[in-house]
Amino acid sequence: MDSWVYWRFPFIIAALGLIGVFFGFLAHEASKVRDNLQAKLNFTKEQDNQNLINGLKAVAAESKQKLEKIRKELAPRVLTETQRAKFIASLTDVPKGKINVVYVSAQDESQKFAEQIRALIISAGFTSDRLEYSISYFFKPPSPWYIAVIVRKEQAPPYAIAILRAFKEIEIDALGGDGSDIGVNLGECKIYVGGK
């Protein structure tokens, strides 16, 4: 028996060596597959991270635009010097009369803007007794605020249309309306300033 083992021993060693080489080769190939998969996963993670970063940048840019829009919407309305000068110039040759300004929102911003409108009207040569507050005026204005030039359609003052045009020239889309149902007298002109 000893000769049998002795005689086959080199074959057993060679077979074991081949098996070892085979398993070494498998381990090496498995390592390459693992490294390849890891590289792909890392690339996918980096790509996913970059996509996430790009997505977040896009959301941030969109949010910044929306925030700026909200800031503009919430900022108090202010007439610029250019608007004032253009408004006054457009009414130079228009007959003058009395115009009262009415604000219809209890907000401080609305009252201050109504005061600016009243000062503008006076600077253009019109008279204005007072600034009025009205809680009961219901008009279907565009959101979020409006200016409306209100007269009685049966007897509107000759300057009402010119006032409406002057507002449009300074990029304030003023509305015109009949005030017979809200107590505007014949020949009277009122400018209603809505809330913001």
N, C-alpha and C. Protein backbone atom coordinates (compact mmCIF):
# COMPACT_ATOMS: atom_id res chain seq x y z
N MET A 1 0.81 -1.18 0.00
CA MET A 1 0.00 0.00 0.00
C MET A 1 0.86 1.24 0.00
N ASP A 2 1.97 1.09 0.68
CA ASP A 2 2.84 2.26 0.72
C ASP A 2 3.31 2.63 -0.67
N SER A 3 3.56 1.63 -1.52
CA SER A 3 4.03 1.95 -2.86
C SER A 3 2.91 2.60 -3.68
N TRP A 4 1.68 2.17 -3.39
CA TRP A 4 0.55 2.77 -4.11
C TRP A 4 0.44 4.25 -3.79
N VAL A 5 0.55 4.62 -2.56
CA VAL A 5 0.46 6.02 -2.14
C VAL A 5 1.67 6.76 -2.68
N TYR A 6 2.83 6.09 -2.58
CA TYR A 6 4.05 6.73 -3.02
C TYR A 6 4.02 7.00 -4.52
N TRP A 7 3.51 6.03 -5.25
CA TRP A 7 3.47 6.15 -6.69
C TRP A 7 2.44 7.18 -7.13
N ARG A 8 1.31 7.32 -6.43
CA ARG A 8 0.24 8.25 -6.83
C ARG A 8 0.37 9.61 -6.14
N PHE A 9 1.26 9.70 -5.20
CA PHE A 9 1.43 10.93 -4.44
C PHE A 9 1.71 12.14 -5.35
N PRO A 10 2.60 12.02 -6.34
CA PRO A 10 2.82 13.18 -7.20
C PRO A 10 1.56 13.58 -7.97
N PHE A 11 0.71 12.61 -8.35
CA PHE A 11 -0.53 12.94 -9.06
C PHE A 11 -1.51 13.64 -8.12
N ILE A 12 -1.52 13.15 -6.87
CA ILE A 12 -2.42 13.79 -5.90
C ILE A 12 -1.97 15.21 -5.64
N ILE A 13 -0.68 15.39 -5.49
CA ILE A 13 -0.13 16.74 -5.26
C ILE A 13 -0.43 17.61 -6.48
N ALA A 14 -0.24 17.06 -7.67
CA ALA A 14 -0.50 17.82 -8.89
C ALA A 14 -1.98 18.16 -9.00
N ALA A 15 -2.84 17.19 -8.66
CA ALA A 15 -4.29 17.43 -8.71
C ALA A 15 -4.67 18.51 -7.71
N LEU A 16 -4.10 18.37 -6.49
CA LEU A 16 -4.39 19.40 -5.47
C LEU A 16 -3.87 20.77 -5.94
N GLY A 17 -2.74 20.78 -6.57
CA GLY A 17 -2.18 22.02 -7.11
C GLY A 17 -3.08 22.62 -8.18
N LEU A 18 -3.59 21.74 -9.06
CA LEU A 18 -4.51 22.21 -10.10
C LEU A 18 -5.81 22.75 -9.49
N ILE A 19 -6.26 22.02 -8.49
CA ILE A 19 -7.49 22.50 -7.81
C ILE A 19 -7.21 23.86 -7.17
N GLY A 20 -6.04 24.00 -6.53
CA GLY A 20 -5.66 25.29 -5.93
C GLY A 20 -5.56 26.39 -6.96
N VAL A 21 -4.94 26.07 -8.12
CA VAL A 21 -4.84 27.05 -9.21
C VAL A 21 -6.23 27.41 -9.71
N PHE A 22 -7.09 26.40 -9.85
CA PHE A 22 -8.44 26.63 -10.31
C PHE A 22 -9.19 27.57 -9.37
N PHE A 23 -9.11 27.26 -8.05
CA PHE A 23 -9.80 28.10 -7.06
C PHE A 23 -9.15 29.49 -6.98
N GLY A 24 -7.85 29.55 -7.17
CA GLY A 24 -7.17 30.85 -7.22
C GLY A 24 -7.66 31.68 -8.40
N PHE A 25 -7.78 30.98 -9.56
CA PHE A 25 -8.29 31.65 -10.75
C PHE A 25 -9.71 32.15 -10.51
N LEU A 26 -10.57 31.28 -9.90
CA LEU A 26 -11.95 31.67 -9.59
C LEU A 26 -11.96 32.87 -8.65
N ALA A 27 -11.09 32.83 -7.65
CA ALA A 27 -11.04 33.94 -6.69
C ALA A 27 -10.60 35.23 -7.39
N HIS A 28 -9.63 35.09 -8.28
CA HIS A 28 -9.15 36.26 -9.02
C HIS A 28 -10.26 36.82 -9.92
N GLU A 29 -10.96 35.94 -10.63
CA GLU A 29 -12.06 36.37 -11.49
C GLU A 29 -13.20 36.98 -10.66
N ALA A 30 -13.47 36.34 -9.53
CA ALA A 30 -14.52 36.88 -8.65
C ALA A 30 -14.11 38.26 -8.14
N SER A 31 -12.84 38.44 -7.85
CA SER A 31 -12.34 39.74 -7.40
C SER A 31 -12.49 40.79 -8.51
N LYS A 32 -12.20 40.40 -9.75
CA LYS A 32 -12.37 41.33 -10.87
C LYS A 32 -13.84 41.69 -11.06
N VAL A 33 -14.71 40.67 -10.96
CA VAL A 33 -16.15 40.93 -11.08
C VAL A 33 -16.60 41.86 -9.96
N ARG A 34 -16.12 41.58 -8.72
CA ARG A 34 -16.47 42.42 -7.58
C ARG A 34 -15.99 43.85 -7.80
N ASP A 35 -14.73 44.00 -8.23
CA ASP A 35 -14.19 45.34 -8.47
C ASP A 35 -14.95 46.07 -9.57
N ASN A 36 -15.33 45.34 -10.62
CA ASN A 36 -16.09 45.91 -11.72
C ASN A 36 -17.47 46.37 -11.23
N LEU A 37 -18.12 45.51 -10.45
CA LEU A 37 -19.43 45.88 -9.90
C LEU A 37 -19.31 47.08 -8.96
N GLN A 38 -18.26 47.07 -8.13
CA GLN A 38 -18.04 48.20 -7.21
C GLN A 38 -17.83 49.49 -7.98
N ALA A 39 -17.06 49.42 -9.06
CA ALA A 39 -16.82 50.60 -9.88
C ALA A 39 -18.13 51.10 -10.50
N LYS A 40 -18.94 50.14 -10.98
CA LYS A 40 -20.23 50.53 -11.55
C LYS A 40 -21.13 51.14 -10.49
N LEU A 41 -21.14 50.54 -9.29
CA LEU A 41 -21.95 51.08 -8.19
C LEU A 41 -21.47 52.47 -7.80
N ASN A 42 -20.15 52.64 -7.73
CA ASN A 42 -19.60 53.95 -7.39
C ASN A 42 -19.97 54.97 -8.46
N PHE A 43 -19.87 54.57 -9.74
CA PHE A 43 -20.25 55.47 -10.82
C PHE A 43 -21.73 55.81 -10.73
N THR A 44 -22.56 54.79 -10.48
CA THR A 44 -24.00 55.01 -10.36
C THR A 44 -24.28 55.93 -9.17
N LYS A 45 -23.58 55.72 -8.05
CA LYS A 45 -23.79 56.58 -6.88
C LYS A 45 -23.37 58.01 -7.21
N GLU A 46 -22.21 58.15 -7.87
CA GLU A 46 -21.75 59.49 -8.23
C GLU A 46 -22.73 60.15 -9.20
N GLN A 47 -23.21 59.35 -10.16
CA GLN A 47 -24.18 59.88 -11.12
C GLN A 47 -25.48 60.24 -10.41
N ASP A 48 -25.93 59.37 -9.51
CA ASP A 48 -27.14 59.66 -8.73
C ASP A 48 -26.94 60.89 -7.87
N ASN A 49 -25.76 60.99 -7.25
CA ASN A 49 -25.48 62.17 -6.42
C ASN A 49 -25.47 63.43 -7.27
N GLN A 50 -24.86 63.35 -8.46
CA GLN A 50 -24.83 64.51 -9.34
C GLN A 50 -26.23 64.87 -9.81
N ASN A 51 -27.03 63.86 -10.14
CA ASN A 51 -28.42 64.12 -10.52
C ASN A 51 -29.18 64.76 -9.37
N LEU A 52 -28.95 64.28 -8.16
CA LEU A 52 -29.60 64.84 -6.98
C LEU A 52 -29.18 66.29 -6.79
N ILE A 53 -27.87 66.54 -6.92
CA ILE A 53 -27.36 67.91 -6.77
C ILE A 53 -27.96 68.82 -7.83
N ASN A 54 -28.00 68.35 -9.09
CA ASN A 54 -28.59 69.15 -10.17
C ASN A 54 -30.07 69.41 -9.91
N GLY A 55 -30.77 68.39 -9.43
CA GLY A 55 -32.19 68.56 -9.10
C GLY A 55 -32.39 69.57 -7.98
N LEU A 56 -31.55 69.50 -6.96
CA LEU A 56 -31.65 70.45 -5.84
C LEU A 56 -31.33 71.87 -6.30
N LYS A 57 -30.34 72.00 -7.19
CA LYS A 57 -30.02 73.33 -7.72
C LYS A 57 -31.20 73.91 -8.50
N ALA A 58 -31.87 73.05 -9.28
CA ALA A 58 -33.03 73.51 -10.05
C ALA A 58 -34.16 73.93 -9.12
N VAL A 59 -34.39 73.14 -8.08
CA VAL A 59 -35.44 73.48 -7.10
C VAL A 59 -35.08 74.78 -6.39
N ALA A 60 -33.80 74.95 -6.03
CA ALA A 60 -33.36 76.17 -5.36
C ALA A 60 -33.56 77.39 -6.26
N ALA A 61 -33.22 77.26 -7.55
CA ALA A 61 -33.39 78.37 -8.48
C ALA A 61 -34.86 78.72 -8.64
N GLU A 62 -35.71 77.71 -8.76
CA GLU A 62 -37.15 77.94 -8.89
C GLU A 62 -37.71 78.58 -7.62
N SER A 63 -37.25 78.10 -6.46
CA SER A 63 -37.70 78.66 -5.19
C SER A 63 -37.27 80.11 -5.06
N LYS A 64 -36.06 80.42 -5.52
CA LYS A 64 -35.57 81.79 -5.46
C LYS A 64 -36.44 82.71 -6.32
N GLN A 65 -36.82 82.23 -7.52
CA GLN A 65 -37.70 83.02 -8.39
C GLN A 65 -39.06 83.23 -7.74
N LYS A 66 -39.60 82.18 -7.13
CA LYS A 66 -40.91 82.31 -6.48
C LYS A 66 -40.83 83.25 -5.29
N LEU A 67 -39.73 83.17 -4.53
CA LEU A 67 -39.55 84.06 -3.39
C LEU A 67 -39.46 85.51 -3.84
N GLU A 68 -38.74 85.76 -4.93
CA GLU A 68 -38.63 87.11 -5.46
C GLU A 68 -39.99 87.63 -5.92
N LYS A 69 -40.78 86.76 -6.54
CA LYS A 69 -42.12 87.14 -6.97
C LYS A 69 -42.99 87.48 -5.76
N ILE A 70 -42.89 86.68 -4.71
CA ILE A 70 -43.66 86.93 -3.49
C ILE A 70 -43.22 88.24 -2.84
N ARG A 71 -41.90 88.47 -2.82
CA ARG A 71 -41.40 89.73 -2.25
C ARG A 71 -41.98 90.93 -2.98
N LYS A 72 -42.00 90.83 -4.33
CA LYS A 72 -42.56 91.93 -5.11
C LYS A 72 -44.05 92.11 -4.83
N GLU A 73 -44.76 90.98 -4.70
CA GLU A 73 -46.20 91.06 -4.43
C GLU A 73 -46.48 91.65 -3.05
N LEU A 74 -45.60 91.37 -2.09
CA LEU A 74 -45.81 91.84 -0.72
C LEU A 74 -45.22 93.22 -0.48
N ALA A 75 -44.32 93.66 -1.34
CA ALA A 75 -43.70 94.97 -1.15
C ALA A 75 -44.76 96.06 -1.28
N PRO A 76 -44.63 97.10 -0.50
CA PRO A 76 -45.60 98.20 -0.61
C PRO A 76 -45.55 98.83 -2.00
N ARG A 77 -46.69 99.24 -2.48
CA ARG A 77 -46.76 99.92 -3.76
C ARG A 77 -46.22 101.33 -3.61
N VAL A 78 -45.39 101.71 -4.54
CA VAL A 78 -44.80 103.05 -4.49
C VAL A 78 -44.78 103.60 -5.92
N LEU A 79 -45.26 104.81 -6.06
CA LEU A 79 -45.19 105.48 -7.36
C LEU A 79 -43.79 106.05 -7.54
N THR A 80 -43.19 105.78 -8.68
CA THR A 80 -41.85 106.30 -8.95
C THR A 80 -41.96 107.75 -9.42
N GLU A 81 -40.85 108.45 -9.39
CA GLU A 81 -40.83 109.83 -9.88
C GLU A 81 -41.18 109.87 -11.38
N THR A 82 -40.71 108.86 -12.10
CA THR A 82 -41.02 108.78 -13.53
C THR A 82 -42.52 108.63 -13.75
N GLN A 83 -43.16 107.77 -12.97
CA GLN A 83 -44.61 107.59 -13.07
C GLN A 83 -45.33 108.89 -12.74
N ARG A 84 -44.90 109.54 -11.67
CA ARG A 84 -45.54 110.80 -11.26
C ARG A 84 -45.44 111.84 -12.39
N ALA A 85 -44.24 112.01 -12.92
CA ALA A 85 -44.03 113.02 -13.96
C ALA A 85 -44.86 112.70 -15.21
N LYS A 86 -44.90 111.46 -15.60
CA LYS A 86 -45.65 111.07 -16.80
C LYS A 86 -47.16 111.26 -16.59
N PHE A 87 -47.66 110.90 -15.39
CA PHE A 87 -49.07 111.06 -15.07
C PHE A 87 -49.46 112.53 -15.13
N ILE A 88 -48.67 113.38 -14.47
CA ILE A 88 -48.96 114.83 -14.43
C ILE A 88 -48.92 115.42 -15.83
N ALA A 89 -47.89 115.04 -16.62
CA ALA A 89 -47.75 115.57 -17.98
C ALA A 89 -48.92 115.16 -18.87
N SER A 90 -49.43 113.95 -18.67
CA SER A 90 -50.53 113.49 -19.53
C SER A 90 -51.84 114.20 -19.22
N LEU A 91 -51.93 114.89 -18.08
CA LEU A 91 -53.16 115.58 -17.69
C LEU A 91 -53.04 117.10 -17.77
N THR A 92 -52.00 117.61 -18.39
CA THR A 92 -51.75 119.05 -18.45
C THR A 92 -52.91 119.81 -19.08
N ASP A 93 -53.41 119.35 -20.21
CA ASP A 93 -54.44 120.07 -20.96
C ASP A 93 -55.85 119.58 -20.68
N VAL A 94 -56.02 118.83 -19.64
CA VAL A 94 -57.33 118.26 -19.29
C VAL A 94 -58.04 119.21 -18.33
N PRO A 95 -59.36 119.41 -18.50
CA PRO A 95 -60.08 120.24 -17.53
C PRO A 95 -59.97 119.61 -16.13
N LYS A 96 -59.89 120.45 -15.14
CA LYS A 96 -59.68 119.97 -13.76
C LYS A 96 -60.98 120.03 -12.97
N GLY A 97 -61.00 119.24 -11.91
CA GLY A 97 -62.16 119.22 -11.03
C GLY A 97 -61.82 118.48 -9.75
N LYS A 98 -62.85 118.14 -9.01
CA LYS A 98 -62.67 117.49 -7.72
C LYS A 98 -62.67 115.96 -7.88
N ILE A 99 -61.71 115.31 -7.22
CA ILE A 99 -61.63 113.86 -7.19
C ILE A 99 -61.31 113.43 -5.76
N ASN A 100 -62.13 112.58 -5.21
CA ASN A 100 -61.80 112.04 -3.89
C ASN A 100 -61.25 110.63 -4.06
N VAL A 101 -60.31 110.30 -3.20
CA VAL A 101 -59.67 108.99 -3.25
C VAL A 101 -60.18 108.17 -2.07
N VAL A 102 -60.53 106.92 -2.37
CA VAL A 102 -61.13 106.02 -1.37
C VAL A 102 -60.27 104.76 -1.31
N TYR A 103 -59.88 104.36 -0.10
CA TYR A 103 -59.19 103.07 0.03
C TYR A 103 -60.16 102.08 0.67
N VAL A 104 -60.13 100.85 0.20
CA VAL A 104 -61.14 99.87 0.61
C VAL A 104 -60.55 98.69 1.37
N SER A 105 -59.35 98.88 1.89
CA SER A 105 -58.73 97.85 2.72
C SER A 105 -58.17 98.54 3.95
N ALA A 106 -58.35 97.93 5.09
CA ALA A 106 -57.88 98.53 6.33
C ALA A 106 -56.36 98.39 6.51
N GLN A 107 -55.71 97.76 5.56
CA GLN A 107 -54.26 97.59 5.65
C GLN A 107 -53.56 98.93 5.55
N ASP A 108 -52.50 99.08 6.33
CA ASP A 108 -51.71 100.30 6.32
C ASP A 108 -51.15 100.58 4.93
N GLU A 109 -50.72 99.53 4.22
CA GLU A 109 -50.16 99.68 2.88
C GLU A 109 -51.18 100.32 1.94
N SER A 110 -52.44 99.90 2.03
CA SER A 110 -53.48 100.44 1.16
C SER A 110 -53.72 101.93 1.41
N GLN A 111 -53.76 102.29 2.68
CA GLN A 111 -53.97 103.70 3.02
C GLN A 111 -52.79 104.55 2.52
N LYS A 112 -51.58 104.06 2.70
CA LYS A 112 -50.41 104.84 2.26
C LYS A 112 -50.37 104.98 0.74
N PHE A 113 -50.75 103.92 0.03
CA PHE A 113 -50.77 104.02 -1.43
C PHE A 113 -51.90 104.96 -1.87
N ALA A 114 -53.03 104.92 -1.20
CA ALA A 114 -54.13 105.84 -1.51
C ALA A 114 -53.69 107.29 -1.28
N GLU A 115 -52.89 107.52 -0.24
CA GLU A 115 -52.36 108.86 0.02
C GLU A 115 -51.44 109.30 -1.13
N GLN A 116 -50.63 108.36 -1.66
CA GLN A 116 -49.77 108.68 -2.82
C GLN A 116 -50.62 109.06 -4.03
N ILE A 117 -51.70 108.31 -4.26
CA ILE A 117 -52.59 108.59 -5.39
C ILE A 117 -53.24 109.97 -5.21
N ARG A 118 -53.68 110.25 -4.01
CA ARG A 118 -54.31 111.56 -3.73
C ARG A 118 -53.31 112.69 -3.98
N ALA A 119 -52.07 112.53 -3.48
CA ALA A 119 -51.04 113.55 -3.70
C ALA A 119 -50.75 113.71 -5.19
N LEU A 120 -50.78 112.62 -5.93
CA LEU A 120 -50.55 112.66 -7.37
C LEU A 120 -51.66 113.44 -8.07
N ILE A 121 -52.89 113.19 -7.68
CA ILE A 121 -54.05 113.88 -8.27
C ILE A 121 -53.95 115.39 -8.00
N ILE A 122 -53.61 115.74 -6.77
CA ILE A 122 -53.48 117.16 -6.41
C ILE A 122 -52.33 117.79 -7.20
N SER A 123 -51.19 117.07 -7.34
CA SER A 123 -50.05 117.59 -8.10
C SER A 123 -50.41 117.80 -9.57
N ALA A 124 -51.35 117.02 -10.08
CA ALA A 124 -51.78 117.16 -11.47
C ALA A 124 -52.78 118.31 -11.65
N GLY A 125 -53.14 119.01 -10.54
CA GLY A 125 -54.01 120.18 -10.65
C GLY A 125 -55.45 119.95 -10.25
N PHE A 126 -55.79 118.77 -9.78
CA PHE A 126 -57.16 118.49 -9.34
C PHE A 126 -57.28 118.81 -7.86
N THR A 127 -58.52 118.92 -7.40
CA THR A 127 -58.75 119.13 -5.97
C THR A 127 -59.25 117.83 -5.36
N SER A 128 -58.99 117.70 -4.07
CA SER A 128 -59.44 116.52 -3.34
C SER A 128 -59.66 116.91 -1.89
N ASP A 129 -60.91 116.77 -1.45
CA ASP A 129 -61.25 117.20 -0.09
C ASP A 129 -60.61 116.32 0.97
N ARG A 130 -60.61 115.03 0.71
CA ARG A 130 -60.20 114.12 1.79
C ARG A 130 -59.86 112.75 1.21
N LEU A 131 -59.27 111.96 2.07
CA LEU A 131 -59.04 110.55 1.78
C LEU A 131 -60.13 109.80 2.53
N GLU A 132 -60.86 108.95 1.83
CA GLU A 132 -61.98 108.23 2.45
C GLU A 132 -61.64 106.75 2.63
N TYR A 133 -62.28 106.17 3.63
CA TYR A 133 -62.19 104.73 3.82
C TYR A 133 -63.59 104.15 3.63
N SER A 134 -63.68 103.11 2.81
CA SER A 134 -64.98 102.49 2.58
C SER A 134 -64.85 100.99 2.79
N ILE A 135 -65.71 100.48 3.62
CA ILE A 135 -65.71 99.04 3.86
C ILE A 135 -66.76 98.33 3.02
N SER A 136 -67.65 99.10 2.41
CA SER A 136 -68.80 98.48 1.76
C SER A 136 -68.72 98.47 0.24
N TYR A 137 -67.59 98.85 -0.33
CA TYR A 137 -67.51 98.90 -1.78
C TYR A 137 -67.17 97.51 -2.32
N PHE A 138 -68.04 96.97 -3.13
CA PHE A 138 -67.82 95.66 -3.72
C PHE A 138 -67.73 95.80 -5.23
N PHE A 139 -66.60 95.53 -5.74
CA PHE A 139 -66.32 95.61 -7.15
C PHE A 139 -65.60 94.32 -7.49
N LYS A 140 -65.75 93.82 -8.69
CA LYS A 140 -65.07 92.58 -9.02
C LYS A 140 -63.70 92.93 -9.62
N PRO A 141 -62.73 93.22 -8.74
CA PRO A 141 -61.43 93.67 -9.22
C PRO A 141 -60.51 92.49 -9.55
N PRO A 142 -59.48 92.77 -10.35
CA PRO A 142 -58.48 91.74 -10.55
C PRO A 142 -57.66 91.57 -9.27
N SER A 143 -57.20 90.41 -9.05
CA SER A 143 -56.39 90.15 -7.86
C SER A 143 -54.95 90.53 -8.15
N PRO A 144 -54.15 90.95 -7.17
CA PRO A 144 -54.46 91.07 -5.76
C PRO A 144 -54.91 92.47 -5.37
N TRP A 145 -54.83 93.43 -6.26
CA TRP A 145 -55.24 94.79 -5.93
C TRP A 145 -55.73 95.49 -7.18
N TYR A 146 -56.28 96.65 -6.99
CA TYR A 146 -56.82 97.36 -8.15
C TYR A 146 -56.91 98.85 -7.84
N ILE A 147 -57.06 99.60 -8.90
CA ILE A 147 -57.46 101.00 -8.82
C ILE A 147 -58.63 101.12 -9.77
N ALA A 148 -59.69 101.76 -9.29
CA ALA A 148 -60.89 101.92 -10.12
C ALA A 148 -61.30 103.39 -10.11
N VAL A 149 -61.56 103.91 -11.29
CA VAL A 149 -62.07 105.28 -11.45
C VAL A 149 -63.58 105.13 -11.59
N ILE A 150 -64.31 105.62 -10.58
CA ILE A 150 -65.75 105.40 -10.50
C ILE A 150 -66.49 106.73 -10.66
N VAL A 151 -67.46 106.72 -11.56
CA VAL A 151 -68.30 107.89 -11.83
C VAL A 151 -69.74 107.41 -12.00
N ARG A 152 -70.66 108.36 -12.17
CA ARG A 152 -72.03 108.02 -12.57
C ARG A 152 -72.06 108.08 -14.09
N LYS A 153 -72.47 107.01 -14.72
CA LYS A 153 -72.43 106.98 -16.19
C LYS A 153 -73.38 108.00 -16.81
N GLU A 154 -74.43 108.40 -16.07
CA GLU A 154 -75.36 109.40 -16.63
C GLU A 154 -74.72 110.77 -16.74
N GLN A 155 -73.75 111.07 -15.85
CA GLN A 155 -73.12 112.39 -15.86
C GLN A 155 -71.71 112.27 -15.30
N ALA A 156 -70.80 111.78 -16.11
CA ALA A 156 -69.40 111.64 -15.70
C ALA A 156 -68.68 112.96 -15.92
N PRO A 157 -67.77 113.31 -15.04
CA PRO A 157 -66.98 114.53 -15.26
C PRO A 157 -66.13 114.41 -16.53
N PRO A 158 -65.85 115.52 -17.19
CA PRO A 158 -65.13 115.47 -18.47
C PRO A 158 -63.71 114.92 -18.36
N TYR A 159 -63.15 114.88 -17.18
CA TYR A 159 -61.76 114.44 -17.00
C TYR A 159 -61.65 112.97 -16.59
N ALA A 160 -62.75 112.28 -16.42
CA ALA A 160 -62.72 110.89 -15.91
C ALA A 160 -61.96 109.94 -16.85
N ILE A 161 -62.25 110.02 -18.12
CA ILE A 161 -61.58 109.14 -19.09
C ILE A 161 -60.10 109.47 -19.15
N ALA A 162 -59.75 110.76 -19.07
CA ALA A 162 -58.34 111.17 -19.11
C ALA A 162 -57.59 110.62 -17.90
N ILE A 163 -58.24 110.60 -16.74
CA ILE A 163 -57.62 110.04 -15.53
C ILE A 163 -57.36 108.54 -15.74
N LEU A 164 -58.34 107.86 -16.27
CA LEU A 164 -58.20 106.43 -16.55
C LEU A 164 -57.03 106.17 -17.50
N ARG A 165 -56.94 106.96 -18.56
CA ARG A 165 -55.83 106.81 -19.52
C ARG A 165 -54.48 107.13 -18.88
N ALA A 166 -54.46 108.13 -18.03
CA ALA A 166 -53.20 108.52 -17.37
C ALA A 166 -52.67 107.38 -16.49
N PHE A 167 -53.57 106.69 -15.81
CA PHE A 167 -53.14 105.54 -15.01
C PHE A 167 -52.56 104.45 -15.93
N LYS A 168 -53.22 104.21 -17.03
CA LYS A 168 -52.73 103.17 -17.95
C LYS A 168 -51.37 103.55 -18.53
N GLU A 169 -51.14 104.85 -18.76
CA GLU A 169 -49.85 105.31 -19.28
C GLU A 169 -48.71 105.06 -18.30
N ILE A 170 -49.01 105.02 -17.01
CA ILE A 170 -47.96 104.74 -16.03
C ILE A 170 -48.00 103.28 -15.58
N GLU A 171 -48.61 102.46 -16.42
CA GLU A 171 -48.65 101.01 -16.24
C GLU A 171 -49.41 100.57 -15.00
N ILE A 172 -50.44 101.31 -14.66
CA ILE A 172 -51.40 100.89 -13.64
C ILE A 172 -52.69 100.63 -14.38
N ASP A 173 -53.10 99.38 -14.39
CA ASP A 173 -54.27 98.97 -15.17
C ASP A 173 -55.54 99.31 -14.39
N ALA A 174 -55.90 100.59 -14.40
CA ALA A 174 -57.07 101.06 -13.67
C ALA A 174 -58.34 100.61 -14.38
N LEU A 175 -59.34 100.35 -13.59
CA LEU A 175 -60.65 99.96 -14.10
C LEU A 175 -61.57 101.17 -14.08
N GLY A 176 -62.54 101.18 -14.96
CA GLY A 176 -63.56 102.21 -14.93
C GLY A 176 -64.87 101.58 -14.51
N GLY A 177 -65.69 102.32 -13.82
CA GLY A 177 -66.95 101.73 -13.39
C GLY A 177 -68.01 102.76 -13.05
N ASP A 178 -69.25 102.26 -13.00
CA ASP A 178 -70.40 103.10 -12.65
C ASP A 178 -70.63 102.99 -11.15
N GLY A 179 -70.75 104.13 -10.50
CA GLY A 179 -70.92 104.13 -9.05
C GLY A 179 -72.31 104.48 -8.58
N SER A 180 -73.32 104.32 -9.45
CA SER A 180 -74.68 104.70 -9.06
C SER A 180 -75.20 103.84 -7.91
N ASP A 181 -74.74 102.60 -7.81
CA ASP A 181 -75.24 101.72 -6.73
C ASP A 181 -74.43 101.84 -5.44
N ILE A 182 -73.38 102.67 -5.44
CA ILE A 182 -72.58 102.81 -4.21
C ILE A 182 -72.54 104.26 -3.73
N GLY A 183 -73.43 105.08 -4.23
CA GLY A 183 -73.57 106.43 -3.70
C GLY A 183 -72.66 107.49 -4.31
N VAL A 184 -72.13 107.25 -5.48
CA VAL A 184 -71.35 108.29 -6.16
C VAL A 184 -72.36 109.24 -6.80
N ASN A 185 -72.19 110.53 -6.53
CA ASN A 185 -73.13 111.54 -7.02
C ASN A 185 -72.91 111.86 -8.49
N LEU A 186 -73.93 112.41 -9.12
CA LEU A 186 -73.81 112.85 -10.51
C LEU A 186 -72.69 113.87 -10.61
N GLY A 187 -71.83 113.73 -11.62
CA GLY A 187 -70.72 114.66 -11.83
C GLY A 187 -69.53 114.41 -10.94
N GLU A 188 -69.62 113.45 -10.05
CA GLU A 188 -68.54 113.19 -9.10
C GLU A 188 -67.62 112.08 -9.66
N CYS A 189 -66.35 112.18 -9.29
CA CYS A 189 -65.38 111.17 -9.66
C CYS A 189 -64.63 110.73 -8.40
N LYS A 190 -64.57 109.42 -8.21
CA LYS A 190 -63.83 108.87 -7.08
C LYS A 190 -62.86 107.83 -7.61
N ILE A 191 -61.70 107.79 -6.99
CA ILE A 191 -60.71 106.76 -7.32
C ILE A 191 -60.65 105.83 -6.13
N TYR A 192 -61.01 104.56 -6.38
CA TYR A 192 -60.98 103.54 -5.34
C TYR A 192 -59.65 102.77 -5.44
N VAL A 193 -58.99 102.65 -4.31
CA VAL A 193 -57.73 101.93 -4.24
C VAL A 193 -57.95 100.66 -3.43
N GLY A 194 -57.78 99.53 -4.08
CA GLY A 194 -57.98 98.23 -3.43
C GLY A 194 -56.78 97.81 -2.62
N GLY A 195 -56.99 96.81 -1.78
CA GLY A 195 -55.93 96.27 -0.94
C GLY A 195 -54.97 95.42 -1.73
N LYS A 196 -53.83 95.22 -1.15
CA LYS A 196 -52.81 94.38 -1.78
C LYS A 196 -52.72 93.08 -1.02
